[in-house]
Protein backbone atom coordinates (compact mmCIF):
# COMPACT_ATOMS: atom_id res chain seq x y z
CA MET A 1 25.93 168.83 75.96
CA ILE A 2 25.21 165.57 74.31
CA ILE A 3 28.92 164.06 75.24
CA LYS A 4 28.65 165.39 78.73
CA ALA A 5 25.24 163.89 79.31
CA ALA A 6 26.74 160.58 78.12
CA GLN A 7 29.62 160.81 80.27
CA ASP A 8 27.41 161.31 83.33
CA ALA A 9 25.41 158.37 82.59
CA GLY A 10 28.26 156.23 82.54
CA PHE A 11 28.28 155.37 78.69
CA LEU A 12 31.69 156.85 78.03
CA LYS A 13 34.10 155.61 80.68
CA ASN A 14 36.74 154.95 78.17
CA TYR A 15 35.53 155.67 74.54
CA LYS A 16 37.88 154.38 71.68
CA VAL A 17 37.67 154.14 67.79
CA ARG A 18 36.81 150.88 66.18
CA VAL A 19 40.32 149.76 64.28
CA PRO A 20 40.24 146.88 61.76
CA ALA A 21 42.59 144.15 62.27
CA ASP A 22 44.04 144.97 58.52
CA LEU A 23 44.81 148.51 58.07
CA ASP A 24 45.14 148.53 54.28
CA GLY A 25 41.45 149.12 53.81
CA VAL A 26 41.72 152.59 55.97
CA THR A 27 45.21 153.69 54.54
CA THR A 28 45.71 156.10 51.75
CA VAL A 29 49.32 156.37 50.31
CA ASP A 30 50.38 159.24 48.26
CA THR A 31 52.33 157.18 45.69
CA ALA A 32 52.91 160.14 43.49
CA ARG A 33 54.83 162.13 46.08
CA GLU A 34 56.43 159.83 48.04
CA GLY A 35 60.32 159.32 47.10
CA ALA A 36 62.93 156.78 47.56
CA ALA A 37 64.36 156.44 50.96
CA ALA A 38 67.81 156.59 49.62
CA ARG A 39 67.51 160.22 48.43
CA ALA A 40 66.23 161.23 51.91
CA GLY A 41 69.39 159.41 53.46
CA LEU A 42 67.24 156.73 54.92
CA ARG A 43 67.23 152.97 54.58
CA PRO A 44 63.71 151.43 53.60
CA ALA A 45 63.74 149.55 56.99
CA ASP A 46 63.74 153.08 58.64
CA VAL A 47 60.73 154.16 56.48
CA GLU A 48 59.19 151.02 57.52
CA ALA A 49 59.70 151.27 61.34
CA ILE A 50 58.26 154.97 61.10
CA TRP A 51 55.23 153.92 59.62
CA THR A 52 54.86 150.99 61.83
CA ALA A 53 54.99 153.45 64.75
CA VAL A 54 52.37 155.54 63.08
CA GLN A 55 50.04 152.50 62.50
CA ASP A 56 50.62 151.46 66.08
CA LEU A 57 49.34 155.14 67.21
CA TYR A 58 46.21 154.53 65.17
CA ARG A 59 45.86 151.08 66.93
CA SER A 60 45.59 152.96 70.22
CA ARG A 61 42.13 153.62 69.32
CA ALA A 62 42.12 157.21 70.17
CA PHE A 63 42.07 158.79 66.68
CA PRO A 64 39.31 158.15 64.08
CA GLY A 65 41.84 159.83 61.65
CA ILE A 66 45.45 160.41 61.07
CA SER A 67 47.19 162.14 58.47
CA PHE A 68 51.13 162.03 58.67
CA CYS A 69 53.81 163.67 56.46
CA LEU A 70 57.62 163.26 56.97
CA ARG A 71 60.11 165.12 54.95
CA ARG A 72 63.63 164.59 55.25
CA ARG A 73 66.51 166.51 53.27
CA GLY A 74 63.67 167.93 51.49
CA GLU A 75 62.35 164.70 50.13
CA VAL A 76 58.69 163.53 50.98
CA VAL A 77 59.41 160.23 52.73
CA LEU A 78 55.89 159.51 53.99
CA HIS A 79 52.68 161.23 53.16
CA ARG A 80 49.93 158.81 54.33
CA THR A 81 46.53 158.76 55.95
CA LEU A 82 44.88 156.41 58.40
CA GLY A 83 41.17 155.88 59.22
CA HIS A 84 38.45 158.20 58.55
CA ALA A 85 37.65 162.09 58.45
CA ARG A 86 34.15 161.59 59.44
CA GLY A 87 32.38 158.80 61.07
CA ASN A 88 33.73 155.92 63.39
CA GLY A 89 34.17 158.32 66.39
CA PRO A 90 34.02 156.95 69.72
CA PHE A 91 30.77 158.72 70.36
CA ASP A 92 29.39 160.26 66.98
CA VAL A 93 26.90 162.74 67.93
CA ARG A 94 26.49 163.56 64.16
CA ASN A 95 25.90 159.89 63.16
CA ALA A 96 28.23 160.91 60.28
CA PRO A 97 28.70 158.18 57.52
CA LYS A 98 32.20 156.87 57.28
CA THR A 99 34.21 158.84 55.04
CA PRO A 100 37.85 157.83 54.61
CA MET A 101 40.49 160.59 55.67
CA ALA A 102 42.06 161.67 52.31
CA LEU A 103 45.56 163.11 51.70
CA ASP A 104 43.95 166.57 50.92
CA THR A 105 41.35 166.40 53.89
CA PRO A 106 41.53 169.98 55.78
CA VAL A 107 42.07 169.19 59.63
CA CYS A 108 41.92 172.05 62.12
CA LEU A 109 45.39 172.66 63.61
CA PHE A 110 44.03 174.13 66.86
CA SER A 111 47.02 175.57 68.91
CA ALA A 112 49.65 174.67 65.98
CA SER A 113 48.02 177.65 64.20
CA LYS A 114 50.29 179.85 66.73
CA ALA A 115 53.48 178.74 65.01
CA VAL A 116 52.20 180.38 61.74
CA THR A 117 50.76 183.22 63.17
CA ALA A 118 53.95 183.94 64.92
CA VAL A 119 55.82 183.73 61.50
CA LEU A 120 53.49 186.11 60.15
CA VAL A 121 54.36 188.63 63.05
CA HIS A 122 58.16 188.05 62.29
CA LYS A 123 57.74 188.42 58.67
CA LEU A 124 56.10 191.68 59.24
CA ALA A 125 58.98 192.73 61.50
CA GLU A 126 61.33 191.77 58.50
CA GLU A 127 59.35 194.15 56.28
CA GLY A 128 59.71 197.01 58.60
CA GLY A 129 56.30 197.09 59.84
CA LEU A 130 56.75 196.78 63.36
CA ASP A 131 59.67 196.37 65.93
CA LEU A 132 59.32 193.20 68.13
CA ASP A 133 60.84 194.90 71.00
CA GLN A 134 58.48 197.85 70.88
CA ARG A 135 55.54 198.01 73.39
CA VAL A 136 52.09 196.63 72.06
CA SER A 137 50.57 199.70 73.18
CA HIS A 138 52.49 201.68 70.73
CA TYR A 139 50.34 199.94 68.01
CA ILE A 140 47.16 199.48 70.03
CA PRO A 141 47.01 202.36 72.42
CA ALA A 142 43.99 200.72 74.32
CA PHE A 143 46.34 197.89 75.19
CA GLY A 144 48.35 199.84 77.75
CA GLN A 145 45.51 199.92 80.41
CA ARG A 146 45.84 198.68 83.80
CA GLY A 147 49.48 197.56 83.80
CA LYS A 148 49.86 196.40 80.43
CA GLN A 149 51.67 199.48 78.92
CA ASP A 150 55.36 198.25 79.07
CA THR A 151 54.36 194.53 77.51
CA THR A 152 56.37 194.19 74.14
CA VAL A 153 55.53 192.28 71.06
CA ALA A 154 58.27 189.87 71.69
CA GLU A 155 57.02 189.00 75.26
CA VAL A 156 53.55 188.30 73.65
CA LEU A 157 55.24 185.85 71.16
CA ALA A 158 56.91 184.27 74.15
CA HIS A 159 54.15 183.65 76.23
CA ARG A 160 55.31 186.19 78.68
CA GLY A 161 52.66 188.96 77.80
CA GLY A 162 50.76 188.81 81.24
CA PHE A 163 47.36 187.86 79.91
CA PRO A 164 47.24 183.99 79.27
CA GLN A 165 43.42 183.69 79.55
CA ILE A 166 40.56 185.97 78.14
CA ARG A 167 38.59 186.81 81.40
CA VAL A 168 35.11 185.90 80.76
CA PRO A 169 32.52 185.44 83.52
CA ARG A 170 31.26 181.92 83.99
CA ALA A 171 27.86 182.66 82.65
CA GLU A 172 29.32 183.94 79.34
CA LYS A 173 31.68 180.93 79.06
CA ARG A 174 31.08 179.75 75.54
CA VAL A 175 33.14 179.19 72.30
CA GLU A 176 30.86 181.92 70.55
CA ILE A 177 32.42 184.94 72.40
CA LEU A 178 35.54 184.14 70.26
CA LEU A 179 33.51 185.01 67.06
CA ASP A 180 33.23 188.60 68.26
CA TRP A 181 36.74 190.04 67.07
CA ASP A 182 36.37 193.45 68.42
CA GLY A 183 34.65 192.32 71.89
CA VAL A 184 37.61 190.04 72.10
CA ILE A 185 40.26 192.67 71.60
CA ASP A 186 38.34 194.81 74.11
CA ARG A 187 38.22 192.26 76.85
CA ILE A 188 42.02 191.69 76.50
CA CYS A 189 42.68 195.57 76.35
CA ARG A 190 40.62 196.31 79.62
CA ALA A 191 41.89 193.07 81.54
CA PRO A 192 44.86 193.86 84.18
CA PRO A 193 47.64 191.38 83.65
CA THR A 194 47.54 188.11 85.74
CA HIS A 195 50.92 186.90 85.07
CA PRO A 196 53.21 189.87 84.47
CA ARG A 197 56.58 188.80 83.15
CA ARG A 198 56.02 185.33 83.97
CA MET A 199 55.70 182.42 81.36
CA ALA A 200 52.17 181.41 81.04
CA TYR A 201 51.07 179.71 77.85
CA HIS A 202 48.59 182.00 76.08
CA ALA A 203 46.17 179.73 74.47
CA ILE A 204 43.78 181.95 72.86
CA SER A 205 44.55 185.57 73.86
CA GLY A 206 48.04 186.32 72.33
CA GLY A 207 47.05 185.14 68.91
CA PHE A 208 44.25 187.80 68.88
CA ILE A 209 46.55 190.51 69.62
CA LEU A 210 49.42 189.50 67.32
CA ALA A 211 46.84 189.36 64.57
CA GLU A 212 45.33 192.64 65.46
CA LEU A 213 48.85 194.10 65.29
CA ILE A 214 49.27 192.63 61.64
CA GLN A 215 45.66 194.17 60.67
CA ARG A 216 46.15 197.76 61.96
CA ILE A 217 49.71 197.95 60.68
CA THR A 218 48.90 196.40 57.17
CA GLY A 219 45.66 197.54 56.82
CA ALA A 220 44.51 194.11 55.53
CA SER A 221 43.23 191.25 57.13
CA VAL A 222 45.30 188.47 58.62
CA GLN A 223 44.20 185.99 56.42
CA SER A 224 45.06 188.16 53.50
CA TYR A 225 48.42 188.60 54.87
CA LEU A 226 48.84 184.71 55.17
CA ASP A 227 47.72 184.55 51.54
CA THR A 228 50.20 186.79 49.92
CA ARG A 229 53.16 185.81 52.02
CA PHE A 230 52.86 182.09 52.39
CA ARG A 231 49.53 180.41 50.95
CA GLU A 232 49.87 181.49 47.60
CA PRO A 233 53.69 181.32 47.06
CA LEU A 234 53.85 177.73 48.40
CA GLY A 235 50.74 176.55 46.41
CA LEU A 236 48.66 175.54 49.25
CA LYS A 237 45.14 174.64 48.83
CA HIS A 238 43.95 175.04 52.37
CA PHE A 239 46.05 176.99 54.80
CA THR A 240 43.22 179.13 55.97
CA TYR A 241 41.98 180.52 59.45
CA GLY A 242 38.45 179.11 59.31
CA LEU A 243 37.31 177.02 56.31
CA PRO A 244 35.58 178.39 53.24
CA LEU A 245 32.30 177.00 52.59
CA GLN A 246 33.20 174.89 49.54
CA HIS A 247 35.70 172.80 51.77
CA ARG A 248 33.47 172.24 54.77
CA ASP A 249 31.92 168.92 53.48
CA THR A 250 35.41 167.39 53.27
CA ALA A 251 36.78 168.59 56.44
CA ALA A 252 37.76 166.23 59.20
CA LEU A 253 35.45 166.22 62.32
CA ASN A 254 36.84 166.19 65.68
CA TYR A 255 36.01 163.76 68.23
CA ALA A 256 36.44 163.51 71.94
CA ALA A 257 38.22 160.33 72.88
CA GLY A 258 40.14 158.50 75.57
CA GLN A 259 39.79 158.60 79.21
CA PRO A 260 37.11 161.32 80.22
CA VAL A 261 38.74 164.41 81.40
CA ARG A 262 37.85 165.02 85.30
CA PHE A 263 38.91 167.29 87.97
CA PRO A 264 41.49 168.59 88.36
CA LEU A 265 42.62 168.46 84.74
CA SER A 266 39.14 169.51 83.80
CA SER A 267 39.54 172.68 85.69
CA ILE A 268 43.08 173.33 84.10
CA VAL A 269 41.95 172.67 80.59
CA GLU A 270 39.00 175.12 81.06
CA LYS A 271 41.08 177.85 82.44
CA VAL A 272 43.55 177.44 79.54
CA LEU A 273 40.74 177.21 76.95
CA ILE A 274 38.01 179.38 78.40
CA VAL A 275 35.25 176.46 78.07
CA PRO A 276 34.85 172.94 79.28
CA PHE A 277 36.90 170.35 77.10
CA GLU A 278 33.92 168.60 75.72
CA GLN A 279 32.40 172.11 74.56
CA VAL A 280 35.58 172.73 72.49
CA VAL A 281 35.26 169.68 70.69
CA GLU A 282 31.61 169.94 69.69
CA SER A 283 32.15 173.71 68.74
CA SER A 284 35.17 172.81 66.62
CA ASN A 285 32.85 171.04 64.50
CA SER A 286 30.13 173.96 63.88
CA ALA A 287 29.66 176.18 61.14
CA ALA A 288 30.14 179.24 63.47
CA PHE A 289 33.76 177.95 64.19
CA MET A 290 34.67 177.54 60.63
CA ASP A 291 33.13 181.03 60.00
CA ALA A 292 35.60 182.63 62.68
CA VAL A 293 39.27 183.70 62.57
CA ILE A 294 40.93 182.46 65.65
CA PRO A 295 44.57 183.11 65.13
CA ALA A 296 45.85 180.87 67.71
CA GLY A 297 43.35 178.14 67.19
CA ASN A 298 41.59 177.54 64.01
CA LEU A 299 44.10 177.34 60.90
CA TYR A 300 43.11 174.35 58.77
CA ALA A 301 45.53 172.43 56.53
CA THR A 302 46.61 168.99 55.47
CA ALA A 303 49.62 167.23 57.06
CA GLU A 304 51.75 167.77 53.52
CA GLU A 305 50.94 171.60 53.81
CA LEU A 306 52.15 171.85 57.35
CA SER A 307 55.16 169.83 56.70
CA ARG A 308 55.87 172.05 53.76
CA PHE A 309 55.58 175.16 55.71
CA PHE A 310 58.31 173.99 58.23
CA GLN A 311 60.15 172.68 55.41
CA VAL A 312 60.61 176.40 54.40
CA MET A 313 61.93 177.27 57.94
CA LEU A 314 64.13 174.35 57.65
CA ASP A 315 65.72 175.38 54.13
CA ASP A 316 66.62 179.12 55.46
CA GLY A 317 63.36 180.69 54.37
CA CYS A 318 63.48 179.38 50.72
CA TRP A 319 60.78 177.55 48.65
CA GLN A 320 61.64 176.32 45.10
CA GLY A 321 64.28 178.98 44.69
CA ARG A 322 62.10 181.84 46.04
CA ARG A 323 63.08 183.44 49.33
CA LEU A 324 59.99 183.85 51.72
CA LEU A 325 61.87 184.83 55.01
CA LYS A 326 65.32 186.33 55.80
CA THR A 327 67.87 184.21 57.52
CA GLU A 328 68.08 186.64 60.27
CA THR A 329 64.14 186.44 60.54
CA LEU A 330 64.25 182.70 61.02
CA LYS A 331 66.95 182.73 63.52
CA ARG A 332 65.06 184.92 65.77
CA ALA A 333 61.76 183.12 65.35
CA VAL A 334 63.50 179.88 66.62
CA LYS A 335 66.10 181.13 69.21
CA PRO A 336 65.15 180.32 72.91
CA LYS A 337 63.96 183.06 74.48
CA TRP A 338 64.45 181.81 78.08
CA ARG A 339 65.50 178.63 79.83
CA ILE A 340 63.25 175.88 80.18
CA ALA A 341 60.72 176.75 83.04
CA LEU A 342 57.51 176.02 84.63
CA ASP A 343 54.61 177.29 82.61
CA GLY A 344 51.88 179.04 84.89
CA SER A 345 49.21 177.81 82.69
CA LEU A 346 49.93 174.53 81.53
CA MET A 347 51.91 173.68 84.84
CA ILE A 348 54.49 171.73 83.23
CA PRO A 349 58.05 172.76 81.95
CA MET A 350 58.29 174.47 78.77
CA ARG A 351 60.67 176.18 76.39
CA TYR A 352 59.76 178.74 74.03
CA SER A 353 61.20 181.05 71.40
CA GLU A 354 59.32 184.17 70.26
CA GLY A 355 56.31 181.89 68.83
CA MET A 356 57.68 178.24 68.90
CA MET A 357 57.44 175.34 71.21
CA LEU A 358 61.10 174.04 71.67
CA GLY A 359 62.38 170.65 71.94
CA ALA A 360 64.63 169.67 74.95
CA ASN A 361 67.33 167.07 76.08
CA PRO A 362 67.12 164.46 77.18
CA VAL A 363 63.66 164.25 75.96
CA GLY A 364 61.23 166.92 74.99
CA LEU A 365 58.07 167.75 72.95
CA TYR A 366 59.35 165.97 69.83
CA GLY A 367 60.85 163.00 71.07
CA PRO A 368 64.55 162.35 72.73
CA ALA A 369 67.44 164.56 72.39
CA SER A 370 65.21 167.08 70.62
CA ARG A 371 66.88 170.27 71.76
CA HIS A 372 67.23 171.94 68.36
CA ALA A 373 63.76 171.21 67.38
CA TYR A 374 60.84 173.80 66.98
CA GLY A 375 57.26 173.79 65.92
CA HIS A 376 54.01 173.69 68.05
CA LEU A 377 51.41 171.27 69.43
CA GLY A 378 47.79 171.48 68.97
CA PHE A 379 45.02 170.03 70.86
CA MET A 380 45.64 167.43 71.85
CA SER A 381 48.21 165.31 69.67
CA ILE A 382 48.65 167.50 66.69
CA LEU A 383 52.18 168.26 66.04
CA GLY A 384 54.10 170.34 63.38
CA TRP A 385 57.84 170.87 63.65
CA ALA A 386 61.38 170.93 62.03
CA ASP A 387 64.36 169.49 63.43
CA PRO A 388 67.55 170.69 61.76
CA GLU A 389 69.88 168.19 63.51
CA ARG A 390 67.85 165.23 61.95
CA GLU A 391 67.32 167.34 58.72
CA MET A 392 63.44 166.67 58.89
CA SER A 393 60.04 168.64 58.81
CA CYS A 394 57.24 166.53 60.05
CA ALA A 395 53.58 167.04 60.63
CA LEU A 396 50.97 164.59 62.71
CA LEU A 397 47.33 165.66 62.31
CA THR A 398 44.78 163.64 64.49
CA THR A 399 41.20 163.97 64.88
CA GLY A 400 40.60 162.42 68.51
CA LYS A 401 40.84 164.68 71.30
CA ALA A 402 42.34 162.66 73.94
CA LEU A 403 44.03 163.76 76.87
CA LEU A 404 44.67 160.85 78.89
CA GLY A 405 44.89 157.02 77.63
CA THR A 406 47.32 154.54 76.13
CA HIS A 407 47.81 156.66 73.20
CA LEU A 408 50.32 158.76 74.93
CA ILE A 409 52.82 155.57 75.19
CA THR A 410 52.35 155.01 71.41
CA LEU A 411 52.75 158.60 70.69
CA GLY A 412 56.23 158.63 72.69
CA LYS A 413 57.32 155.64 70.60
CA LEU A 414 56.51 157.25 67.51
CA LEU A 415 58.55 160.32 68.33
CA ALA A 416 61.33 158.18 69.73
CA THR A 417 61.41 156.17 66.55
CA LEU A 418 61.47 159.30 64.39
CA SER A 419 64.32 160.65 66.51
CA ASP A 420 66.14 157.36 66.24
CA ARG A 421 65.97 156.62 62.45
CA CYS A 422 66.26 160.07 61.17
CA LYS A 423 69.47 161.08 63.45
CA THR A 424 72.45 161.95 61.38
CA GLY A 425 75.89 160.31 61.55
């Protein structure tokens, strides 16, 4: 591994992005779509404060590229990018030339893909295709092996399915195993539960089972189901699992950044993601990764597209007068499933609905006083969420994969600024 070798040699003790003093040259603004702050119930000073906080996040030097979109009261308040989609990484293994991050640059959402996959399952339940409270083994008989026979679809959605990791022998630990769909489903079905009835984040495993349910019940691919229910009605250019060949030259590359991930964090990350941190980053830029369908981890989108998706949820399931989700479907998708508790995989307190990571008070994933917010985090600081209390839907897409570093401080300040400037009343 190139990055790992460089770390071992001491070249990457704290690797950061080069940031110019004047950010205008690395900034793109969607002047055609950004609306007046007043129509969104904000003052120009509010918008400026939020954008300054995004710029400060870029100045943390952890992210080669950032794409950001904020809607409030349905109005696009900010849709901008900073930095580069390719090149200017802290350790550019491809020596890629600097390519600016464009407004339509597709970015891998990683685990933020889970929110979309979960909504697809809720949509299928709305259509009568499956019962969320039914056992998974009712639809996938082989899943009922070795103590998993009573696990319900709802429990999988809420990270209580009991199979948070795909069990892989150390000699086989590589991202390529995820390209064998039938093999992954077989591994999950044959494995005994490791966390029965306990909350433990299903980083990769749950998405495969949920998508398999969609495919078995509809007879179509999970991508086809996504296309017909959301991608096409919303008029989205990307929003695909994996990335078609014609868009790969414009896709944002991912880069390892920040402090090197060392033990014990490295072991926790590897346990959750199957393979070491650096291998995930490198593999995510490969053609094989973009060929694959990884329902919990490789949906590609722009920040505006992800914000649009959450705006539909905020607008009671409607988009431009067309209903895409019923009210009762949305209520169930975002309703807290259990109280906040220690997650057995992430080893931090978490709060989930059936498919969403939820905010919390006094401070949560989406900032201070975010108890009503819902959405999902992606590897490592990708965020897509809606906050009904603040009437906002937001997407923050980043290409630097940094677990530790000063960027965490500026990210916290950005979320606090959003919470403060978009509060109602």
